[in-house]
Amino acid sequence: ISSILVTINLDVARYADVLHMMEKGINPAREESLLARYPPEAQIHLDRPTVVCDKFGIIIFWYLPGAIDLAIQMAAATAMMSVPLARSVTRGAAANDKWRTHSSNFYPSRGEGTPGCINLSPAWFLQGHPAPKFHPHVSATLKEFDGRSFSLAMHRPAVLIAAALRVMHPKLYWSSLATMLALGLWAADKKLDEMGDHLRVWASVFTALAIVCNRRSPLHRDPLSRPQWFDVMTTFGNY
């Protein structure tokens, strides 16, 4: 299937500059102001492999439907995390900053996974414990729920995602590899054996992975990243 190039009338660098570092995209008044300042020309329906660029040719994202075959999708690995997924769902009063795990945002399971939202990482900073005062830790879910088996089950899709990133963003790909190597050396130097063990079986070029199952997500932004970086989102099942 041939790919197509779509150009939108947006200066993505200037748009990124006006966003605040912790802007989460859930303030209606602020979003209306941004829409007025940067109005979309039209809705675009993507149904084939597509590269979307801003008006200066900067790639905003790649859309690659069917890039990961059904036989190698993450369904089996996700099923291994059914217990922490179920435990992640919260109830009670819904706060604006807790919508990611609140029960009101999840659909009932239809045999395609346990509803929930968890984060996995072999080396990340705990919330409220940033560098340089604190050092990375293995995420609790990866430690408590046979994270090694999960990481091994994710090897093939992780390698395919790494290959895609190598094409889409070579600088980020090589930076990611250098980061993983540096983390491994640092863990060995600090005698953090548990972290070293998880890093050795972690095939992803990204240091963190979020599993989101059967959730409806309000329009939002995830802060604490950089506009020059890519995240990778993969989907499976009916949605």
Protein backbone atom coordinates (compact mmCIF):
# COMPACT_ATOMS: atom_id res chain seq x y z
CA ILE A 1 0.00 0.00 0.00
CA SER A 2 1.42 3.38 -0.98
CA SER A 3 1.74 6.14 1.58
CA ILE A 4 0.50 9.68 1.19
CA LEU A 5 1.74 13.04 2.41
CA VAL A 6 -0.68 15.44 4.07
CA THR A 7 0.30 19.05 4.80
CA ILE A 8 -1.70 21.13 7.28
CA ASN A 9 -1.62 24.91 7.63
CA LEU A 10 0.08 24.99 11.03
CA ASP A 11 3.47 26.13 12.32
CA VAL A 12 4.03 23.34 14.82
CA ALA A 13 7.17 24.95 16.30
CA ARG A 14 5.34 28.20 17.05
CA TYR A 15 2.37 26.24 18.42
CA ALA A 16 4.69 24.31 20.75
CA ASP A 17 6.24 27.57 21.95
CA VAL A 18 2.93 28.94 23.21
CA LEU A 19 2.15 25.85 25.28
CA HIS A 20 3.15 25.92 28.94
CA MET A 21 5.35 23.12 30.23
CA MET A 22 2.62 21.50 32.35
CA GLU A 23 -0.31 22.36 30.08
CA LYS A 24 -2.57 19.30 30.08
CA GLY A 25 -5.16 20.44 27.54
CA ILE A 26 -8.18 20.09 29.84
CA ASN A 27 -8.92 23.79 30.43
CA PRO A 28 -11.87 24.61 28.10
CA ALA A 29 -11.23 28.36 28.03
CA ARG A 30 -7.57 27.89 27.21
CA GLU A 31 -8.35 25.37 24.48
CA GLU A 32 -10.90 27.72 22.89
CA SER A 33 -8.24 30.43 22.85
CA LEU A 34 -5.74 28.11 21.16
CA LEU A 35 -8.32 27.00 18.59
CA ALA A 36 -9.09 30.62 17.77
CA ARG A 37 -5.39 31.37 17.36
CA TYR A 38 -4.60 28.19 15.41
CA PRO A 39 -7.86 27.14 13.74
CA PRO A 40 -7.86 23.80 11.87
CA GLU A 41 -8.63 24.09 8.17
CA ALA A 42 -10.74 20.95 8.06
CA GLN A 43 -11.08 17.51 9.54
CA ILE A 44 -8.86 14.93 7.87
CA HIS A 45 -9.83 11.26 7.72
CA LEU A 46 -6.83 8.95 7.50
CA ASP A 47 -7.42 5.46 6.12
CA ARG A 48 -4.01 4.52 4.70
CA PRO A 49 -0.33 4.99 5.66
CA THR A 50 0.16 8.73 5.96
CA VAL A 51 2.85 11.24 6.92
CA VAL A 52 1.41 14.50 8.27
CA CYS A 53 3.57 17.64 8.07
CA ASP A 54 3.14 21.23 9.10
CA LYS A 55 3.28 24.04 6.54
CA PHE A 56 7.10 24.13 6.72
CA GLY A 57 7.51 20.42 6.07
CA ILE A 58 8.19 19.39 9.67
CA ILE A 59 6.78 15.91 10.26
CA ILE A 60 4.16 15.97 13.02
CA PHE A 61 3.26 12.30 13.02
CA TRP A 62 3.24 9.07 11.03
CA TYR A 63 0.08 7.00 10.71
CA LEU A 64 0.79 3.35 9.90
CA PRO A 65 -2.37 1.21 10.10
CA GLY A 66 -1.70 -2.52 10.14
CA ALA A 67 2.03 -2.05 10.72
CA ILE A 68 2.05 -4.67 13.47
CA ASP A 69 0.42 -7.91 12.35
CA LEU A 70 -2.27 -9.54 14.46
CA ALA A 71 0.01 -12.49 15.17
CA ILE A 72 2.61 -10.30 16.88
CA GLN A 73 0.45 -7.73 18.60
CA MET A 74 0.64 -7.13 22.31
CA ALA A 75 -2.58 -8.90 23.30
CA ALA A 76 -0.82 -11.82 25.00
CA ALA A 77 1.55 -9.55 26.89
CA THR A 78 -1.31 -7.29 27.93
CA ALA A 79 -3.26 -10.28 29.23
CA MET A 80 -0.34 -11.01 31.56
CA MET A 81 -1.00 -7.66 33.24
CA SER A 82 -4.73 -8.22 33.89
CA VAL A 83 -4.33 -8.08 37.70
CA PRO A 84 -2.54 -4.71 37.89
CA LEU A 85 -4.84 -3.34 35.18
CA ALA A 86 -7.90 -4.21 37.26
CA ARG A 87 -6.33 -2.77 40.41
CA SER A 88 -5.46 0.49 38.67
CA VAL A 89 -9.09 1.60 38.22
CA THR A 90 -10.15 4.12 40.84
CA ARG A 91 -13.60 5.07 42.06
CA GLY A 92 -15.20 7.85 44.06
CA ALA A 93 -15.12 11.54 43.19
CA ALA A 94 -13.40 12.16 39.85
CA ALA A 95 -10.68 14.81 40.00
CA ASN A 96 -9.38 16.53 36.87
CA ASP A 97 -5.88 15.14 37.40
CA LYS A 98 -7.10 11.57 38.10
CA TRP A 99 -9.24 10.92 35.01
CA ARG A 100 -6.72 8.46 33.52
CA THR A 101 -7.68 5.74 36.00
CA HIS A 102 -11.20 6.76 37.06
CA SER A 103 -13.87 4.12 36.50
CA SER A 104 -16.15 6.58 34.66
CA ASN A 105 -13.71 6.58 31.72
CA PHE A 106 -13.60 2.81 31.16
CA TYR A 107 -15.84 0.57 29.08
CA PRO A 108 -16.78 -2.89 30.37
CA SER A 109 -14.58 -5.71 29.13
CA ARG A 110 -15.82 -7.68 26.12
CA GLY A 111 -13.17 -10.35 26.21
CA GLU A 112 -10.49 -8.11 24.70
CA GLY A 113 -8.60 -7.18 27.83
CA THR A 114 -9.09 -6.06 31.40
CA PRO A 115 -9.97 -2.35 31.67
CA GLY A 116 -7.27 -0.32 33.32
CA CYS A 117 -4.24 1.93 32.88
CA ILE A 118 -0.74 1.12 34.13
CA ASN A 119 2.80 2.36 33.54
CA LEU A 120 5.86 0.13 33.23
CA SER A 121 9.51 1.12 33.22
CA PRO A 122 12.83 -0.49 34.08
CA ALA A 123 14.20 2.90 35.15
CA TRP A 124 12.16 6.02 35.74
CA PHE A 125 11.77 8.82 38.24
CA LEU A 126 8.97 8.46 40.75
CA GLN A 127 6.30 11.17 40.71
CA GLY A 128 7.51 14.20 42.61
CA HIS A 129 11.07 12.82 42.72
CA PRO A 130 12.86 14.38 39.71
CA ALA A 131 16.55 14.54 38.86
CA PRO A 132 19.12 15.50 40.00
CA LYS A 133 18.10 15.08 43.64
CA PHE A 134 16.63 11.62 43.09
CA HIS A 135 17.63 8.67 40.95
CA PRO A 136 15.56 6.31 38.76
CA HIS A 137 13.76 3.24 40.08
CA VAL A 138 12.12 0.19 38.54
CA SER A 139 8.38 0.88 38.35
CA ALA A 140 6.34 -0.88 41.03
CA THR A 141 4.16 -2.76 38.53
CA LEU A 142 7.16 -4.15 36.69
CA LYS A 143 8.64 -5.37 39.99
CA GLU A 144 5.51 -6.86 41.49
CA PHE A 145 3.81 -8.66 38.58
CA ASP A 146 6.44 -10.79 36.83
CA GLY A 147 7.71 -7.90 34.76
CA ARG A 148 10.51 -10.03 33.32
CA SER A 149 8.03 -12.35 31.59
CA PHE A 150 6.09 -9.34 30.31
CA SER A 151 9.23 -7.75 28.87
CA LEU A 152 10.17 -11.00 27.15
CA ALA A 153 6.66 -11.29 25.66
CA MET A 154 7.03 -7.77 24.26
CA HIS A 155 10.33 -8.40 22.48
CA ARG A 156 9.03 -8.79 18.93
CA PRO A 157 6.69 -5.78 18.83
CA ALA A 158 9.32 -3.72 20.67
CA VAL A 159 11.91 -4.54 18.00
CA LEU A 160 9.49 -3.60 15.20
CA ILE A 161 8.74 -0.30 16.93
CA ALA A 162 12.47 0.35 17.30
CA ALA A 163 12.98 -0.30 13.58
CA ALA A 164 10.18 2.14 12.76
CA LEU A 165 11.71 4.81 14.99
CA ARG A 166 15.07 4.27 13.30
CA VAL A 167 13.43 5.38 10.04
CA MET A 168 11.10 8.05 11.41
CA HIS A 169 13.46 9.81 13.82
CA PRO A 170 17.09 8.56 13.60
CA LYS A 171 18.42 11.06 16.16
CA LEU A 172 15.86 10.03 18.76
CA TYR A 173 16.56 6.36 18.02
CA TRP A 174 20.29 6.69 18.63
CA SER A 175 19.75 8.90 21.67
CA SER A 176 17.41 6.28 23.10
CA LEU A 177 19.99 3.52 22.62
CA ALA A 178 22.67 5.67 24.27
CA THR A 179 20.32 6.35 27.19
CA MET A 180 19.58 2.66 27.72
CA LEU A 181 23.31 1.85 27.64
CA ALA A 182 24.08 4.64 30.12
CA LEU A 183 21.32 3.43 32.45
CA GLY A 184 22.73 -0.09 32.36
CA LEU A 185 26.24 1.11 33.18
CA TRP A 186 24.91 3.36 35.94
CA ALA A 187 22.87 0.52 37.48
CA ALA A 188 25.94 -1.74 37.42
CA ASP A 189 28.10 0.96 39.02
CA LYS A 190 25.53 1.55 41.78
CA LYS A 191 25.04 -2.21 42.23
CA LEU A 192 21.33 -1.90 41.45
CA ASP A 193 20.99 -5.54 40.42
CA GLU A 194 17.20 -5.52 40.10
CA MET A 195 17.29 -2.58 37.70
CA GLY A 196 20.09 -4.18 35.72
CA ASP A 197 18.09 -7.40 35.39
CA HIS A 198 15.05 -5.54 34.04
CA LEU A 199 17.13 -3.42 31.66
CA ARG A 200 18.70 -6.54 30.14
CA VAL A 201 15.31 -7.90 29.02
CA TRP A 202 13.73 -4.52 28.15
CA ALA A 203 13.81 -4.44 24.33
CA SER A 204 12.03 -1.12 23.81
CA VAL A 205 13.97 1.99 22.80
CA PHE A 206 11.64 3.92 25.11
CA THR A 207 12.22 3.86 28.86
CA ALA A 208 8.54 3.74 29.75
CA LEU A 209 5.41 2.03 28.46
CA ALA A 210 1.76 2.76 29.28
CA ILE A 211 -0.90 0.08 28.81
CA VAL A 212 -4.37 1.59 28.37
CA CYS A 213 -7.24 -0.86 27.98
CA ASN A 214 -10.91 -0.10 27.19
CA ARG A 215 -10.65 3.57 28.10
CA ARG A 216 -12.32 6.58 26.58
CA SER A 217 -9.82 9.42 26.79
CA PRO A 218 -10.92 13.06 26.95
CA LEU A 219 -8.97 15.40 24.69
CA HIS A 220 -5.75 16.17 26.53
CA ARG A 221 -2.00 16.63 26.28
CA ASP A 222 0.68 14.68 28.11
CA PRO A 223 3.24 17.23 29.39
CA LEU A 224 6.91 16.82 30.33
CA SER A 225 7.98 15.87 26.82
CA ARG A 226 9.59 17.87 24.03
CA PRO A 227 8.01 18.93 20.72
CA GLN A 228 11.02 17.50 18.86
CA TRP A 229 10.41 13.97 20.21
CA PHE A 230 8.06 11.25 18.99
CA ASP A 231 5.99 8.95 21.14
CA VAL A 232 4.74 5.70 19.64
CA MET A 233 1.12 4.61 20.08
CA THR A 234 0.01 1.13 19.00
CA THR A 235 -3.55 -0.19 19.12
CA PHE A 236 -5.20 -3.57 18.86
CA GLY A 237 -8.74 -4.91 19.09
CA ASN A 238 -11.96 -3.12 18.20
CA TYR A 239 -12.25 0.51 19.23
